[in-house]
Amino acid sequence: MGENLTRGLTPEQRERIAEVEELRRRGDATEDDLRERWELLRPAYFADEAAIRPVPPRVGPECSSETNASIAEHFERGTLVDGVPEVELPMLFVAGALDALPLGSIERTAALVPGAVLETIPDCGHFTWWERPRETGRIVGEFLAGNSSECPSVGPRPLRHRVPAVADAVQRWRDFGMQMVEVFEAQGGRSDPAYQGALHMVVLADQVLRILRSRAERE
């Protein structure tokens, strides 16, 4: 993924990215460091130049450092490889065909879950809900409604011991969407398609949380 993100950068810019990454790993990166890093890398995340948005006014150093450490820890522990196959829920992966993250890695993750569905959006980069909010919302909405021809039919299963962890992940997704909504509203960006995409994230997360609670109550 790193090579895809830095392919269009100069040697000096690549060196600076590596420097900031090391600062992130040590927990010493400042907000200015992180905004500079995002300024350099963000074009690679988008397929449509018109969809590229300004660098966020705030980037939390502590959040960035902790997220980076968490990803590294879970990768080392094999959390996805060992845990995802145990998920007994319909699972949907939505990817942009032109994502800087190689599609093969998403395909391998989806293959860990029996019956998982992978939908690819053409001419779209990493942030599908940002570049193609309506298409992303349609795919997820159809999946949740059980209308997709690829959606597996999953009956009630003993989920009581798994619901809290799944719900926690969905809640974090919802919280992230709300943060995006608040940023756009503060900047007067309600007409921005990405604002609509963030709203979609919140609405869809609420739907998933209701489904999880309902199934847990039935069991």
Protein backbone atom coordinates (compact mmCIF):
# COMPACT_ATOMS: atom_id res chain seq x y z
CA MET A 1 0.00 0.00 0.00
CA GLY A 2 2.85 2.39 0.82
CA GLU A 3 4.28 2.21 -2.68
CA ASN A 4 0.89 2.96 -4.23
CA LEU A 5 0.41 5.99 -1.99
CA THR A 6 3.84 7.49 -2.63
CA ARG A 7 4.24 6.62 -6.31
CA GLY A 8 3.78 10.22 -7.51
CA LEU A 9 5.91 11.85 -4.84
CA THR A 10 9.46 13.19 -5.10
CA PRO A 11 12.29 11.46 -3.17
CA GLU A 12 12.27 14.35 -0.72
CA GLN A 13 8.53 14.01 -0.14
CA ARG A 14 8.88 10.26 0.37
CA GLU A 15 11.63 10.88 2.90
CA ARG A 16 9.41 13.31 4.76
CA ILE A 17 6.55 10.78 4.81
CA ALA A 18 8.90 8.16 6.27
CA GLU A 19 10.05 10.65 8.89
CA VAL A 20 6.49 11.43 10.00
CA GLU A 21 5.63 7.72 10.08
CA GLU A 22 8.51 7.13 12.46
CA LEU A 23 7.28 10.00 14.62
CA ARG A 24 3.81 8.42 14.62
CA ARG A 25 5.21 5.08 15.74
CA ARG A 26 7.01 6.78 18.62
CA GLY A 27 3.98 8.90 19.50
CA ASP A 28 5.93 12.12 18.82
CA ALA A 29 4.14 13.40 15.69
CA THR A 30 2.56 16.85 16.02
CA GLU A 31 -0.68 18.01 14.44
CA ASP A 32 1.33 19.99 11.87
CA ASP A 33 3.32 16.85 11.01
CA LEU A 34 0.16 14.86 10.44
CA ARG A 35 -1.53 17.56 8.36
CA GLU A 36 1.59 17.81 6.19
CA ARG A 37 1.59 14.03 5.75
CA TRP A 38 -2.08 14.00 4.73
CA GLU A 39 -1.49 16.90 2.32
CA LEU A 40 1.13 14.80 0.54
CA LEU A 41 -0.74 11.50 0.54
CA ARG A 42 -4.38 12.43 0.06
CA PRO A 43 -4.41 12.60 -3.79
CA ALA A 44 -3.50 8.90 -3.96
CA TYR A 45 -6.64 7.99 -2.01
CA PHE A 46 -8.96 9.43 -4.67
CA ALA A 47 -9.77 8.39 -8.22
CA ASP A 48 -11.62 11.62 -8.97
CA GLU A 49 -9.55 14.77 -8.43
CA ALA A 50 -12.74 16.77 -8.00
CA ALA A 51 -13.56 14.68 -4.93
CA ILE A 52 -10.34 15.58 -3.09
CA ARG A 53 -11.22 17.66 -0.07
CA PRO A 54 -9.08 20.13 1.91
CA VAL A 55 -6.92 18.80 4.71
CA PRO A 56 -9.00 18.65 7.92
CA PRO A 57 -8.38 21.66 10.17
CA ARG A 58 -7.60 19.31 13.05
CA VAL A 59 -5.78 15.97 13.15
CA GLY A 60 -5.45 14.44 16.60
CA PRO A 61 -1.86 13.29 17.21
CA GLU A 62 -2.86 11.03 20.08
CA CYS A 63 -5.65 9.40 18.07
CA SER A 64 -3.34 8.91 15.08
CA SER A 65 -0.58 7.38 17.20
CA GLU A 66 -2.93 5.07 19.11
CA THR A 67 -4.67 3.95 15.91
CA ASN A 68 -1.34 3.20 14.28
CA ALA A 69 -0.22 1.17 17.31
CA SER A 70 -3.53 -0.69 17.48
CA ILE A 71 -3.37 -1.68 13.81
CA ALA A 72 0.19 -2.96 14.22
CA GLU A 73 -0.74 -4.91 17.35
CA HIS A 74 -3.77 -6.58 15.79
CA PHE A 75 -1.81 -7.39 12.64
CA GLU A 76 0.88 -9.05 14.75
CA ARG A 77 -1.72 -11.01 16.74
CA GLY A 78 -3.57 -12.12 13.60
CA THR A 79 -6.86 -10.71 14.91
CA LEU A 80 -8.58 -10.69 11.52
CA VAL A 81 -7.23 -14.02 10.32
CA ASP A 82 -8.23 -15.78 13.54
CA GLY A 83 -11.34 -13.84 14.48
CA VAL A 84 -13.19 -12.93 11.29
CA PRO A 85 -14.01 -16.54 10.30
CA GLU A 86 -15.89 -16.85 13.61
CA VAL A 87 -18.29 -14.01 12.80
CA GLU A 88 -21.74 -15.49 12.28
CA LEU A 89 -23.33 -12.50 10.60
CA PRO A 90 -23.80 -11.55 6.95
CA MET A 91 -20.70 -9.55 6.02
CA LEU A 92 -20.31 -7.00 3.24
CA PHE A 93 -17.09 -5.47 1.91
CA VAL A 94 -17.32 -2.37 -0.30
CA ALA A 95 -14.16 -1.35 -2.15
CA GLY A 96 -13.19 1.22 -4.75
CA ALA A 97 -11.71 -0.40 -7.83
CA LEU A 98 -8.94 2.23 -7.88
CA ASP A 99 -8.19 2.13 -4.16
CA ALA A 100 -4.53 2.57 -3.22
CA LEU A 101 -5.08 -0.42 -0.94
CA PRO A 102 -4.70 -3.43 -3.28
CA LEU A 103 -8.03 -5.11 -3.99
CA GLY A 104 -6.35 -8.48 -3.43
CA SER A 105 -5.98 -7.78 0.29
CA ILE A 106 -9.70 -7.08 0.58
CA GLU A 107 -10.50 -10.21 -1.42
CA ARG A 108 -8.36 -12.29 0.94
CA THR A 109 -10.13 -10.81 3.95
CA ALA A 110 -13.57 -11.45 2.45
CA ALA A 111 -12.54 -15.03 1.67
CA LEU A 112 -12.09 -15.65 5.41
CA VAL A 113 -15.86 -15.39 5.96
CA PRO A 114 -18.17 -18.01 4.42
CA GLY A 115 -20.81 -16.27 2.34
CA ALA A 116 -19.24 -12.81 2.59
CA VAL A 117 -20.07 -10.38 -0.20
CA LEU A 118 -17.53 -8.12 -1.90
CA GLU A 119 -18.87 -5.23 -3.97
CA THR A 120 -16.48 -3.13 -6.06
CA ILE A 121 -17.34 0.38 -7.23
CA PRO A 122 -15.71 1.25 -10.59
CA ASP A 123 -13.63 4.42 -10.99
CA CYS A 124 -13.58 4.98 -7.23
CA GLY A 125 -10.74 5.35 -4.76
CA HIS A 126 -10.36 4.45 -1.08
CA PHE A 127 -13.17 6.49 0.47
CA THR A 128 -16.17 5.01 -1.30
CA TRP A 129 -18.64 6.83 0.97
CA TRP A 130 -16.87 10.08 0.13
CA GLU A 131 -16.42 9.75 -3.63
CA ARG A 132 -19.57 7.75 -4.34
CA PRO A 133 -21.90 8.27 -1.36
CA ARG A 134 -25.09 7.36 -3.21
CA GLU A 135 -23.62 4.20 -4.74
CA THR A 136 -22.16 3.15 -1.41
CA GLY A 137 -25.44 3.85 0.36
CA ARG A 138 -27.38 1.87 -2.25
CA ILE A 139 -25.09 -1.17 -1.93
CA VAL A 140 -25.15 -1.19 1.86
CA GLY A 141 -28.87 -0.45 2.00
CA GLU A 142 -29.71 -3.33 -0.32
CA PHE A 143 -27.47 -5.64 1.64
CA LEU A 144 -29.10 -4.71 4.93
CA ALA A 145 -32.56 -5.07 3.43
CA GLY A 146 -31.66 -8.48 2.03
CA ASN A 147 -32.45 -7.36 -1.51
CA SER A 148 -29.04 -8.00 -3.04
CA SER A 149 -28.94 -11.11 -5.22
CA GLU A 150 -25.57 -11.92 -3.67
CA CYS A 151 -26.70 -11.47 -0.07
CA PRO A 152 -26.64 -14.77 1.83
CA SER A 153 -29.70 -15.82 3.74
CA VAL A 154 -28.68 -16.11 7.36
CA GLY A 155 -31.12 -17.36 9.95
CA PRO A 156 -30.99 -16.78 13.71
CA ARG A 157 -27.74 -18.01 15.26
CA PRO A 158 -26.32 -17.90 18.78
CA LEU A 159 -24.77 -14.41 18.71
CA ARG A 160 -25.15 -13.36 22.32
CA HIS A 161 -21.44 -13.63 23.07
CA ARG A 162 -20.41 -11.84 19.85
CA VAL A 163 -22.92 -8.99 19.65
CA PRO A 164 -21.11 -6.68 22.10
CA ALA A 165 -17.85 -6.75 20.10
CA VAL A 166 -19.62 -6.28 16.76
CA ALA A 167 -21.82 -3.52 18.15
CA ASP A 168 -18.77 -1.76 19.57
CA ALA A 169 -17.10 -1.77 16.12
CA VAL A 170 -20.27 -0.43 14.45
CA GLN A 171 -20.60 2.25 17.14
CA ARG A 172 -17.05 3.40 16.42
CA TRP A 173 -17.95 3.57 12.72
CA ARG A 174 -20.99 5.67 13.60
CA ASP A 175 -18.91 7.96 15.82
CA PHE A 176 -16.48 8.54 12.97
CA GLY A 177 -19.37 9.43 10.66
CA MET A 178 -20.74 11.89 13.21
CA GLN A 179 -17.33 13.53 13.50
CA MET A 180 -17.32 14.07 9.73
CA VAL A 181 -20.86 15.47 9.86
CA GLU A 182 -19.88 17.92 12.58
CA VAL A 183 -16.79 19.08 10.66
CA PHE A 184 -18.80 19.77 7.50
CA GLU A 185 -21.55 21.55 9.43
CA ALA A 186 -18.99 23.72 11.20
CA GLN A 187 -17.50 24.68 7.83
CA GLY A 188 -20.88 25.26 6.17
CA GLY A 189 -20.39 22.28 3.87
CA ARG A 190 -23.83 20.70 3.93
CA SER A 191 -24.04 20.87 0.13
CA ASP A 192 -20.86 18.80 -0.20
CA PRO A 193 -21.52 15.22 -1.45
CA ALA A 194 -19.11 13.97 1.22
CA TYR A 195 -21.42 15.45 3.86
CA GLN A 196 -24.24 13.30 2.49
CA GLY A 197 -21.89 10.32 2.55
CA ALA A 198 -21.15 10.92 6.22
CA LEU A 199 -24.86 11.11 6.97
CA HIS A 200 -25.29 7.79 5.14
CA MET A 201 -22.65 6.28 7.42
CA VAL A 202 -24.53 7.37 10.52
CA VAL A 203 -27.92 6.18 9.26
CA LEU A 204 -26.57 2.80 8.13
CA ALA A 205 -24.73 2.30 11.42
CA ASP A 206 -27.96 2.99 13.28
CA GLN A 207 -29.72 0.37 11.15
CA VAL A 208 -27.03 -2.22 11.88
CA LEU A 209 -27.15 -1.47 15.61
CA ARG A 210 -30.93 -1.95 15.62
CA ILE A 211 -30.55 -5.29 13.82
CA LEU A 212 -27.93 -6.46 16.31
CA ARG A 213 -30.03 -5.49 19.30
CA SER A 214 -33.13 -7.13 17.83
CA ARG A 215 -31.36 -10.42 17.16
CA ALA A 216 -29.76 -10.42 20.60
CA GLU A 217 -33.18 -9.89 22.21
CA ARG A 218 -34.72 -12.76 20.20
CA GLU A 219 -32.06 -15.11 21.53
